[in-house]
Amino acid sequence: AVGIGGLPKGRIVEIYGPESSGKTTVTLHAVAEAQKQGGIAAFIDAEHALDPIYAKALGVDVDNLIVSQPDTGEQALEIAEALIRSGAIDIIVIDSVAALVPKAEIEGDMGDSHVGLQARLMSQALRKLTGSIKKSNCVAIFINQLREKVGVMFGSPETTTGGRALKFYSSVRLDVRKIDTIKQGDKV
């Protein structure tokens, strides 16, 4: 569907959609394909939700998948930067932008206002990462979630998390939607 035989190397890709729409499944298929072609893959699991059994069922070589489950958004993006700069990986997945919670928010009290903190974190990180991604020829996939904008009268009320930076820096943005459940006879 991209028209170039897959996802572009040396570029940022955003895969977004509502919950349970198949974003991680699409991404794990891309990881499996990269591994089949001899590539090294990394998965930054900020959601702490990666299921190795499911990943293996989709064809991912989980024994050779670099997995990190960071505590903060800064930690996740620093790990991603180190892996990309090493030049040793061919595809990296950050799952998900919504789970990249800034350290100040984690350490702060409930109810504290942290307006725009995640957007600033993403903007700074993407400015730093873009050049490294290009030099290393790595595919960087950011999985993102949809949120509803309050009070929208015209146009779509849907927006992605993490500010505008990812929209700007992404070469490809894939909108993944669940249309119907695939059934084989009575089996789902």
N, C-alpha and C. Protein backbone atom coordinates (compact mmCIF):
# COMPACT_ATOMS: atom_id res chain seq x y z
N ALA A 1 0.82 -1.20 0.00
CA ALA A 1 0.00 0.00 0.00
C ALA A 1 0.86 1.26 0.00
N VAL A 2 2.12 1.13 0.43
CA VAL A 2 3.01 2.28 0.47
C VAL A 2 3.56 2.58 -0.93
N GLY A 3 3.65 1.54 -1.77
CA GLY A 3 4.09 1.72 -3.14
C GLY A 3 5.59 1.65 -3.36
N ILE A 4 6.36 1.31 -2.32
CA ILE A 4 7.82 1.24 -2.46
C ILE A 4 8.36 -0.11 -1.98
N GLY A 5 7.46 -1.09 -1.82
CA GLY A 5 7.90 -2.42 -1.40
C GLY A 5 8.10 -2.56 0.09
N GLY A 6 7.47 -1.72 0.86
CA GLY A 6 7.59 -1.81 2.33
C GLY A 6 7.76 -0.45 2.96
N LEU A 7 8.23 -0.46 4.18
CA LEU A 7 8.44 0.79 4.92
C LEU A 7 9.80 1.39 4.54
N PRO A 8 9.90 2.71 4.42
CA PRO A 8 11.15 3.34 3.98
C PRO A 8 12.26 3.29 5.03
N LYS A 9 13.45 2.88 4.60
CA LYS A 9 14.61 2.83 5.50
C LYS A 9 15.12 4.24 5.76
N GLY A 10 15.64 4.45 6.95
CA GLY A 10 16.17 5.76 7.31
C GLY A 10 15.10 6.80 7.56
N ARG A 11 13.89 6.34 7.85
CA ARG A 11 12.75 7.24 8.03
C ARG A 11 11.95 6.88 9.28
N ILE A 12 11.11 7.84 9.67
CA ILE A 12 10.20 7.64 10.81
C ILE A 12 8.83 7.30 10.27
N VAL A 13 8.22 6.27 10.85
CA VAL A 13 6.88 5.81 10.46
C VAL A 13 6.00 5.88 11.70
N GLU A 14 4.81 6.45 11.54
CA GLU A 14 3.84 6.46 12.65
C GLU A 14 2.68 5.55 12.28
N ILE A 15 2.39 4.60 13.17
CA ILE A 15 1.23 3.72 12.99
C ILE A 15 0.27 4.06 14.12
N TYR A 16 -0.90 4.57 13.75
CA TYR A 16 -1.85 5.02 14.77
C TYR A 16 -3.25 4.49 14.51
N GLY A 17 -4.07 4.52 15.54
CA GLY A 17 -5.44 4.07 15.43
C GLY A 17 -6.05 3.89 16.80
N PRO A 18 -7.34 3.56 16.85
CA PRO A 18 -8.00 3.34 18.14
C PRO A 18 -7.47 2.08 18.83
N GLU A 19 -7.80 1.90 20.10
CA GLU A 19 -7.33 0.72 20.84
C GLU A 19 -7.86 -0.55 20.19
N SER A 20 -7.06 -1.60 20.26
CA SER A 20 -7.39 -2.92 19.72
C SER A 20 -7.71 -2.89 18.22
N SER A 21 -7.02 -2.03 17.47
CA SER A 21 -7.26 -1.97 16.03
C SER A 21 -6.22 -2.75 15.23
N GLY A 22 -5.17 -3.25 15.90
CA GLY A 22 -4.16 -4.06 15.21
C GLY A 22 -2.85 -3.34 14.95
N LYS A 23 -2.61 -2.23 15.62
CA LYS A 23 -1.37 -1.45 15.41
C LYS A 23 -0.13 -2.28 15.73
N THR A 24 -0.12 -2.92 16.89
CA THR A 24 1.03 -3.72 17.30
C THR A 24 1.18 -4.94 16.39
N THR A 25 0.07 -5.52 15.97
CA THR A 25 0.11 -6.67 15.06
C THR A 25 0.77 -6.30 13.74
N VAL A 26 0.38 -5.18 13.15
CA VAL A 26 0.98 -4.70 11.90
C VAL A 26 2.48 -4.49 12.09
N THR A 27 2.83 -3.88 13.22
CA THR A 27 4.23 -3.59 13.52
C THR A 27 5.04 -4.86 13.71
N LEU A 28 4.49 -5.84 14.42
CA LEU A 28 5.20 -7.10 14.63
C LEU A 28 5.40 -7.86 13.32
N HIS A 29 4.46 -7.73 12.38
CA HIS A 29 4.65 -8.31 11.04
C HIS A 29 5.85 -7.65 10.34
N ALA A 30 5.98 -6.33 10.48
CA ALA A 30 7.12 -5.61 9.89
C ALA A 30 8.43 -6.07 10.52
N VAL A 31 8.42 -6.28 11.84
CA VAL A 31 9.61 -6.78 12.56
C VAL A 31 9.98 -8.17 12.05
N ALA A 32 8.98 -9.05 11.92
CA ALA A 32 9.21 -10.41 11.44
C ALA A 32 9.82 -10.40 10.03
N GLU A 33 9.30 -9.54 9.15
CA GLU A 33 9.83 -9.44 7.78
C GLU A 33 11.27 -8.95 7.78
N ALA A 34 11.57 -7.95 8.62
CA ALA A 34 12.94 -7.43 8.71
C ALA A 34 13.89 -8.52 9.20
N GLN A 35 13.45 -9.30 10.18
CA GLN A 35 14.28 -10.40 10.71
C GLN A 35 14.49 -11.48 9.66
N LYS A 36 13.46 -11.78 8.87
CA LYS A 36 13.58 -12.80 7.81
C LYS A 36 14.63 -12.40 6.78
N GLN A 37 14.80 -11.09 6.59
CA GLN A 37 15.79 -10.58 5.64
C GLN A 37 17.15 -10.34 6.30
N GLY A 38 17.33 -10.89 7.51
CA GLY A 38 18.61 -10.80 8.20
C GLY A 38 18.81 -9.56 9.04
N GLY A 39 17.76 -8.78 9.23
CA GLY A 39 17.86 -7.54 10.01
C GLY A 39 17.78 -7.77 11.51
N ILE A 40 18.33 -6.82 12.25
CA ILE A 40 18.28 -6.84 13.72
C ILE A 40 17.16 -5.89 14.14
N ALA A 41 16.29 -6.36 15.03
CA ALA A 41 15.13 -5.58 15.46
C ALA A 41 15.17 -5.27 16.95
N ALA A 42 14.65 -4.09 17.30
CA ALA A 42 14.53 -3.69 18.70
C ALA A 42 13.10 -3.23 18.96
N PHE A 43 12.61 -3.50 20.17
CA PHE A 43 11.24 -3.16 20.55
C PHE A 43 11.29 -2.45 21.90
N ILE A 44 10.98 -1.15 21.90
CA ILE A 44 10.92 -0.38 23.14
C ILE A 44 9.48 -0.45 23.63
N ASP A 45 9.25 -1.27 24.64
CA ASP A 45 7.90 -1.57 25.12
C ASP A 45 7.53 -0.67 26.29
N ALA A 46 7.20 0.58 25.98
CA ALA A 46 6.85 1.55 27.02
C ALA A 46 5.52 1.20 27.69
N GLU A 47 4.67 0.46 26.97
CA GLU A 47 3.37 0.04 27.53
C GLU A 47 3.50 -1.18 28.44
N HIS A 48 4.65 -1.84 28.40
CA HIS A 48 4.88 -3.09 29.15
C HIS A 48 3.78 -4.11 28.81
N ALA A 49 3.50 -4.23 27.51
CA ALA A 49 2.39 -5.08 27.08
C ALA A 49 2.77 -6.06 25.97
N LEU A 50 4.06 -6.17 25.63
CA LEU A 50 4.47 -7.07 24.56
C LEU A 50 4.29 -8.52 24.99
N ASP A 51 3.56 -9.27 24.17
CA ASP A 51 3.31 -10.69 24.44
C ASP A 51 4.24 -11.51 23.55
N PRO A 52 5.30 -12.11 24.12
CA PRO A 52 6.26 -12.86 23.30
C PRO A 52 5.65 -14.06 22.59
N ILE A 53 4.65 -14.68 23.18
CA ILE A 53 4.00 -15.84 22.57
C ILE A 53 3.25 -15.41 21.30
N TYR A 54 2.53 -14.29 21.40
CA TYR A 54 1.81 -13.74 20.24
C TYR A 54 2.79 -13.29 19.17
N ALA A 55 3.87 -12.62 19.59
CA ALA A 55 4.90 -12.15 18.64
C ALA A 55 5.50 -13.33 17.89
N LYS A 56 5.79 -14.41 18.61
CA LYS A 56 6.37 -15.61 17.99
C LYS A 56 5.39 -16.22 16.98
N ALA A 57 4.09 -16.22 17.33
CA ALA A 57 3.06 -16.76 16.44
C ALA A 57 2.97 -15.96 15.14
N LEU A 58 3.35 -14.67 15.20
CA LEU A 58 3.33 -13.83 14.00
C LEU A 58 4.61 -13.93 13.18
N GLY A 59 5.57 -14.75 13.66
CA GLY A 59 6.81 -14.96 12.92
C GLY A 59 8.00 -14.18 13.44
N VAL A 60 7.86 -13.51 14.58
CA VAL A 60 8.98 -12.76 15.17
C VAL A 60 9.92 -13.73 15.87
N ASP A 61 11.22 -13.59 15.61
CA ASP A 61 12.24 -14.38 16.31
C ASP A 61 12.50 -13.68 17.64
N VAL A 62 11.71 -14.05 18.66
CA VAL A 62 11.77 -13.36 19.96
C VAL A 62 13.11 -13.55 20.67
N ASP A 63 13.82 -14.64 20.37
CA ASP A 63 15.12 -14.87 21.00
C ASP A 63 16.17 -13.87 20.51
N ASN A 64 15.97 -13.33 19.31
CA ASN A 64 16.91 -12.35 18.75
C ASN A 64 16.30 -10.96 18.65
N LEU A 65 15.24 -10.72 19.41
CA LEU A 65 14.60 -9.40 19.44
C LEU A 65 15.10 -8.65 20.67
N ILE A 66 15.65 -7.46 20.46
CA ILE A 66 16.11 -6.63 21.58
C ILE A 66 14.88 -5.96 22.17
N VAL A 67 14.58 -6.26 23.44
CA VAL A 67 13.39 -5.70 24.09
C VAL A 67 13.82 -4.88 25.30
N SER A 68 13.22 -3.69 25.42
CA SER A 68 13.46 -2.84 26.58
C SER A 68 12.12 -2.38 27.12
N GLN A 69 11.97 -2.40 28.43
CA GLN A 69 10.74 -1.92 29.07
C GLN A 69 11.11 -0.79 30.04
N PRO A 70 11.29 0.42 29.50
CA PRO A 70 11.75 1.56 30.31
C PRO A 70 10.68 2.08 31.27
N ASP A 71 11.13 2.83 32.28
CA ASP A 71 10.23 3.37 33.29
C ASP A 71 9.68 4.74 32.92
N THR A 72 10.44 5.53 32.17
CA THR A 72 10.01 6.89 31.81
C THR A 72 10.14 7.12 30.31
N GLY A 73 9.48 8.17 29.85
CA GLY A 73 9.57 8.54 28.44
C GLY A 73 10.99 8.91 28.04
N GLU A 74 11.68 9.66 28.92
CA GLU A 74 13.06 10.05 28.64
C GLU A 74 13.95 8.83 28.49
N GLN A 75 13.78 7.86 29.40
CA GLN A 75 14.58 6.63 29.37
C GLN A 75 14.33 5.87 28.06
N ALA A 76 13.07 5.77 27.66
CA ALA A 76 12.71 5.07 26.42
C ALA A 76 13.38 5.70 25.21
N LEU A 77 13.32 7.02 25.14
CA LEU A 77 13.88 7.72 23.98
C LEU A 77 15.41 7.73 23.99
N GLU A 78 16.02 7.72 25.18
CA GLU A 78 17.48 7.61 25.28
C GLU A 78 17.96 6.24 24.82
N ILE A 79 17.23 5.19 25.20
CA ILE A 79 17.55 3.83 24.77
C ILE A 79 17.42 3.73 23.25
N ALA A 80 16.32 4.28 22.72
CA ALA A 80 16.10 4.28 21.27
C ALA A 80 17.24 5.00 20.56
N GLU A 81 17.64 6.15 21.09
CA GLU A 81 18.73 6.93 20.47
C GLU A 81 20.04 6.14 20.47
N ALA A 82 20.36 5.50 21.60
CA ALA A 82 21.60 4.71 21.71
C ALA A 82 21.60 3.56 20.70
N LEU A 83 20.47 2.86 20.59
CA LEU A 83 20.37 1.74 19.65
C LEU A 83 20.50 2.21 18.20
N ILE A 84 19.83 3.31 17.87
CA ILE A 84 19.88 3.84 16.51
C ILE A 84 21.29 4.31 16.17
N ARG A 85 21.91 5.07 17.08
CA ARG A 85 23.27 5.60 16.83
C ARG A 85 24.31 4.49 16.68
N SER A 86 24.06 3.34 17.32
CA SER A 86 25.02 2.22 17.23
C SER A 86 25.14 1.71 15.79
N GLY A 87 24.08 1.92 15.01
CA GLY A 87 24.08 1.45 13.63
C GLY A 87 23.89 -0.06 13.51
N ALA A 88 23.61 -0.71 14.64
CA ALA A 88 23.51 -2.17 14.67
C ALA A 88 22.10 -2.68 14.40
N ILE A 89 21.11 -1.80 14.43
CA ILE A 89 19.74 -2.28 14.24
C ILE A 89 19.15 -1.77 12.93
N ASP A 90 18.22 -2.55 12.39
CA ASP A 90 17.59 -2.21 11.12
C ASP A 90 16.18 -1.69 11.29
N ILE A 91 15.53 -2.09 12.39
CA ILE A 91 14.16 -1.63 12.66
C ILE A 91 14.00 -1.49 14.17
N ILE A 92 13.38 -0.39 14.58
CA ILE A 92 13.10 -0.16 15.99
C ILE A 92 11.64 0.27 16.13
N VAL A 93 10.98 -0.27 17.15
CA VAL A 93 9.58 0.03 17.41
C VAL A 93 9.48 0.69 18.78
N ILE A 94 8.74 1.78 18.85
CA ILE A 94 8.45 2.43 20.13
C ILE A 94 6.95 2.29 20.35
N ASP A 95 6.57 1.49 21.34
CA ASP A 95 5.17 1.16 21.63
C ASP A 95 4.82 1.62 23.04
N SER A 96 4.13 2.62 23.21
CA SER A 96 3.54 3.58 22.30
C SER A 96 3.87 4.99 22.76
N VAL A 97 3.59 5.96 21.90
CA VAL A 97 3.86 7.36 22.23
C VAL A 97 3.07 7.77 23.47
N ALA A 98 1.83 7.30 23.59
CA ALA A 98 0.99 7.65 24.74
C ALA A 98 1.60 7.17 26.05
N ALA A 99 2.39 6.09 26.00
CA ALA A 99 3.01 5.53 27.21
C ALA A 99 4.36 6.17 27.54
N LEU A 100 4.82 7.09 26.70
CA LEU A 100 6.09 7.79 26.97
C LEU A 100 5.83 8.92 27.97
N VAL A 101 5.65 8.54 29.21
CA VAL A 101 5.30 9.51 30.26
C VAL A 101 6.57 10.18 30.77
N PRO A 102 6.63 11.52 30.74
CA PRO A 102 7.81 12.23 31.23
C PRO A 102 8.08 11.94 32.71
N LYS A 103 9.37 11.94 33.06
CA LYS A 103 9.81 11.64 34.43
C LYS A 103 9.14 12.57 35.45
N ALA A 104 9.01 13.85 35.11
CA ALA A 104 8.40 14.83 36.02
C ALA A 104 6.96 14.46 36.36
N GLU A 105 6.25 13.87 35.40
CA GLU A 105 4.86 13.46 35.62
C GLU A 105 4.79 12.23 36.51
N ILE A 106 5.72 11.29 36.31
CA ILE A 106 5.75 10.07 37.11
C ILE A 106 6.10 10.40 38.56
N GLU A 107 7.07 11.29 38.75
CA GLU A 107 7.53 11.63 40.09
C GLU A 107 6.65 12.66 40.79
N GLY A 108 5.80 13.36 40.03
CA GLY A 108 4.93 14.39 40.61
C GLY A 108 3.74 13.79 41.32
N ASP A 109 2.99 14.65 41.99
CA ASP A 109 1.78 14.22 42.70
C ASP A 109 0.62 14.09 41.73
N MET A 110 -0.35 13.26 42.13
CA MET A 110 -1.59 13.13 41.35
C MET A 110 -2.26 14.50 41.31
N GLY A 111 -2.76 14.89 40.16
CA GLY A 111 -3.43 16.17 40.04
C GLY A 111 -2.53 17.31 39.63
N ASP A 112 -1.20 17.11 39.67
CA ASP A 112 -0.27 18.15 39.21
C ASP A 112 -0.47 18.38 37.71
N SER A 113 -0.33 19.62 37.29
CA SER A 113 -0.49 19.96 35.88
C SER A 113 0.84 19.80 35.14
N HIS A 114 0.81 19.04 34.06
CA HIS A 114 2.01 18.83 33.24
C HIS A 114 1.67 19.10 31.78
N VAL A 115 1.06 20.26 31.54
CA VAL A 115 0.58 20.61 30.20
C VAL A 115 1.74 20.72 29.21
N GLY A 116 1.62 20.00 28.11
CA GLY A 116 2.59 20.09 27.03
C GLY A 116 3.93 19.42 27.27
N LEU A 117 4.09 18.76 28.42
CA LEU A 117 5.37 18.15 28.77
C LEU A 117 5.73 17.02 27.80
N GLN A 118 4.76 16.16 27.51
CA GLN A 118 5.00 15.04 26.60
C GLN A 118 5.27 15.54 25.18
N ALA A 119 4.55 16.58 24.76
CA ALA A 119 4.75 17.15 23.42
C ALA A 119 6.17 17.73 23.30
N ARG A 120 6.65 18.41 24.35
CA ARG A 120 8.01 18.96 24.33
C ARG A 120 9.05 17.84 24.29
N LEU A 121 8.80 16.78 25.07
CA LEU A 121 9.70 15.62 25.09
C LEU A 121 9.81 15.01 23.69
N MET A 122 8.67 14.81 23.04
CA MET A 122 8.65 14.22 21.69
C MET A 122 9.34 15.14 20.67
N SER A 123 9.08 16.42 20.76
CA SER A 123 9.67 17.38 19.83
C SER A 123 11.20 17.38 19.93
N GLN A 124 11.70 17.41 21.15
CA GLN A 124 13.14 17.41 21.39
C GLN A 124 13.76 16.09 20.91
N ALA A 125 13.12 14.98 21.26
CA ALA A 125 13.64 13.66 20.88
C ALA A 125 13.69 13.48 19.37
N LEU A 126 12.63 13.88 18.68
CA LEU A 126 12.57 13.69 17.23
C LEU A 126 13.58 14.57 16.51
N ARG A 127 13.84 15.77 17.04
CA ARG A 127 14.89 16.62 16.45
C ARG A 127 16.24 15.92 16.53
N LYS A 128 16.49 15.25 17.67
CA LYS A 128 17.76 14.55 17.87
C LYS A 128 17.83 13.26 17.05
N LEU A 129 16.73 12.53 17.00
CA LEU A 129 16.72 11.20 16.38
C LEU A 129 16.74 11.21 14.85
N THR A 130 16.11 12.20 14.23
CA THR A 130 15.93 12.19 12.78
C THR A 130 17.24 12.00 12.01
N GLY A 131 18.27 12.74 12.36
CA GLY A 131 19.56 12.61 11.68
C GLY A 131 20.19 11.25 11.87
N SER A 132 20.13 10.73 13.10
CA SER A 132 20.69 9.40 13.40
C SER A 132 19.96 8.30 12.65
N ILE A 133 18.64 8.43 12.55
CA ILE A 133 17.83 7.44 11.84
C ILE A 133 18.23 7.41 10.36
N LYS A 134 18.42 8.58 9.78
CA LYS A 134 18.82 8.68 8.37
C LYS A 134 20.20 8.07 8.15
N LYS A 135 21.17 8.43 9.02
CA LYS A 135 22.55 7.93 8.88
C LYS A 135 22.63 6.42 9.04
N SER A 136 21.86 5.87 9.98
CA SER A 136 21.93 4.43 10.27
C SER A 136 21.07 3.60 9.31
N ASN A 137 20.21 4.28 8.52
CA ASN A 137 19.31 3.60 7.58
C ASN A 137 18.35 2.65 8.30
N CYS A 138 17.96 3.03 9.49
CA CYS A 138 17.07 2.24 10.34
C CYS A 138 15.62 2.70 10.12
N VAL A 139 14.68 1.78 10.20
CA VAL A 139 13.26 2.14 10.16
C VAL A 139 12.83 2.33 11.61
N ALA A 140 12.30 3.51 11.93
CA ALA A 140 11.82 3.79 13.29
C ALA A 140 10.30 3.89 13.26
N ILE A 141 9.64 2.94 13.93
CA ILE A 141 8.18 2.91 13.95
C ILE A 141 7.69 3.37 15.32
N PHE A 142 6.89 4.41 15.32
CA PHE A 142 6.24 4.89 16.55
C PHE A 142 4.78 4.47 16.49
N ILE A 143 4.34 3.69 17.47
CA ILE A 143 2.93 3.32 17.56
C ILE A 143 2.24 4.41 18.39
N ASN A 144 1.10 4.87 17.90
CA ASN A 144 0.40 5.95 18.60
C ASN A 144 -1.09 5.64 18.72
N GLN A 145 -1.72 6.28 19.68
CA GLN A 145 -3.14 6.07 19.93
C GLN A 145 -3.93 7.31 19.56
N LEU A 146 -5.21 7.11 19.33
CA LEU A 146 -6.10 8.23 19.02
C LEU A 146 -6.78 8.72 20.28
N ARG A 147 -6.97 10.01 20.36
CA ARG A 147 -7.71 10.64 21.45
C ARG A 147 -8.78 11.53 20.83
N GLU A 148 -9.79 11.87 21.62
CA GLU A 148 -10.85 12.77 21.16
C GLU A 148 -10.54 14.20 21.60
N LYS A 149 -10.60 15.13 20.66
CA LYS A 149 -10.47 16.55 21.01
C LYS A 149 -11.83 17.02 21.50
N VAL A 150 -11.84 17.77 22.58
CA VAL A 150 -13.09 18.24 23.17
C VAL A 150 -13.57 19.49 22.44
N GLY A 151 -14.88 19.56 22.15
CA GLY A 151 -15.48 20.76 21.59
C GLY A 151 -15.26 20.99 20.11
N VAL A 152 -14.94 19.95 19.35
CA VAL A 152 -14.73 20.10 17.90
C VAL A 152 -16.08 20.05 17.19
N MET A 153 -16.41 21.13 16.48
CA MET A 153 -17.70 21.21 15.78
C MET A 153 -17.57 20.73 14.32
N PHE A 154 -16.46 21.10 13.68
CA PHE A 154 -16.25 20.75 12.28
C PHE A 154 -14.97 19.96 12.14
N GLY A 155 -14.96 19.00 11.22
CA GLY A 155 -13.78 18.16 11.04
C GLY A 155 -13.76 17.03 12.05
N SER A 156 -12.72 16.24 11.98
CA SER A 156 -12.60 15.07 12.85
C SER A 156 -12.18 15.47 14.26
N PRO A 157 -12.86 14.91 15.27
CA PRO A 157 -12.46 15.21 16.65
C PRO A 157 -11.27 14.35 17.10
N GLU A 158 -10.80 13.46 16.22
CA GLU A 158 -9.71 12.56 16.59
C GLU A 158 -8.35 13.23 16.42
N THR A 159 -7.46 12.96 17.36
CA THR A 159 -6.09 13.46 17.29
C THR A 159 -5.16 12.41 17.89
N THR A 160 -3.88 12.46 17.52
CA THR A 160 -2.91 11.53 18.09
C THR A 160 -2.20 12.20 19.27
N THR A 161 -1.66 11.38 20.16
CA THR A 161 -0.99 11.90 21.36
C THR A 161 0.43 12.37 21.04
N GLY A 162 1.00 13.13 21.97
CA GLY A 162 2.41 13.52 21.85
C GLY A 162 2.69 14.78 21.06
N GLY A 163 1.68 15.60 20.82
CA GLY A 163 1.91 16.86 20.12
C GLY A 163 2.01 16.72 18.61
N ARG A 164 2.50 17.78 17.96
CA ARG A 164 2.53 17.83 16.49
C ARG A 164 3.82 17.33 15.87
N ALA A 165 4.87 17.18 16.66
CA ALA A 165 6.20 16.85 16.13
C ALA A 165 6.22 15.55 15.33
N LEU A 166 5.57 14.50 15.85
CA LEU A 166 5.60 13.20 15.17
C LEU A 166 4.92 13.29 13.80
N LYS A 167 3.83 14.04 13.71
CA LYS A 167 3.15 14.25 12.42
C LYS A 167 4.12 14.89 11.42
N PHE A 168 4.89 15.85 11.90
CA PHE A 168 5.82 16.59 11.05
C PHE A 168 6.99 15.71 10.59
N TYR A 169 7.58 14.96 11.52
CA TYR A 169 8.79 14.18 11.22
C TYR A 169 8.51 12.84 10.53
N SER A 170 7.28 12.35 10.58
CA SER A 170 6.95 11.05 9.97
C SER A 170 6.91 11.14 8.45
N SER A 171 7.60 10.20 7.80
CA SER A 171 7.55 10.11 6.34
C SER A 171 6.30 9.34 5.91
N VAL A 172 5.88 8.39 6.75
CA VAL A 172 4.69 7.59 6.48
C VAL A 172 3.84 7.57 7.75
N ARG A 173 2.54 7.81 7.60
CA ARG A 173 1.60 7.71 8.72
C ARG A 173 0.52 6.71 8.32
N LEU A 174 0.46 5.58 9.03
CA LEU A 174 -0.53 4.56 8.72
C LEU A 174 -1.65 4.60 9.75
N ASP A 175 -2.87 4.78 9.27
CA ASP A 175 -4.06 4.79 10.12
C ASP A 175 -4.65 3.38 10.09
N VAL A 176 -4.59 2.68 11.23
CA VAL A 176 -5.06 1.29 11.30
C VAL A 176 -6.42 1.27 11.99
N ARG A 177 -7.41 0.63 11.34
CA ARG A 177 -8.76 0.55 11.89
C ARG A 177 -9.25 -0.89 11.87
N LYS A 178 -10.01 -1.24 12.89
CA LYS A 178 -10.64 -2.56 12.93
C LYS A 178 -11.95 -2.43 12.15
N ILE A 179 -12.09 -3.25 11.12
CA ILE A 179 -13.30 -3.18 10.30
C ILE A 179 -14.25 -4.31 10.67
N ASP A 180 -13.71 -5.53 10.71
CA ASP A 180 -14.54 -6.69 11.02
C ASP A 180 -13.67 -7.79 11.59
N THR A 181 -14.29 -8.70 12.31
CA THR A 181 -13.58 -9.84 12.88
C THR A 181 -13.48 -10.92 11.81
N ILE A 182 -12.28 -11.48 11.63
CA ILE A 182 -12.08 -12.53 10.64
C ILE A 182 -12.54 -13.85 11.24
N LYS A 183 -13.44 -14.52 10.52
CA LYS A 183 -13.98 -15.79 11.00
C LYS A 183 -13.71 -16.89 9.98
N GLN A 184 -13.42 -18.08 10.52
CA GLN A 184 -13.24 -19.26 9.68
C GLN A 184 -14.26 -20.28 10.18
N GLY A 185 -15.38 -20.34 9.49
CA GLY A 185 -16.49 -21.15 10.00
C GLY A 185 -17.08 -20.45 11.21
N ASP A 186 -17.06 -21.15 12.36
CA ASP A 186 -17.55 -20.55 13.61
C ASP A 186 -16.41 -19.97 14.45
N LYS A 187 -15.17 -20.24 14.04
CA LYS A 187 -14.00 -19.78 14.80
C LYS A 187 -13.67 -18.32 14.49
N VAL A 188 -13.29 -17.59 15.54
CA VAL A 188 -12.88 -16.19 15.37
C VAL A 188 -11.38 -16.16 15.18
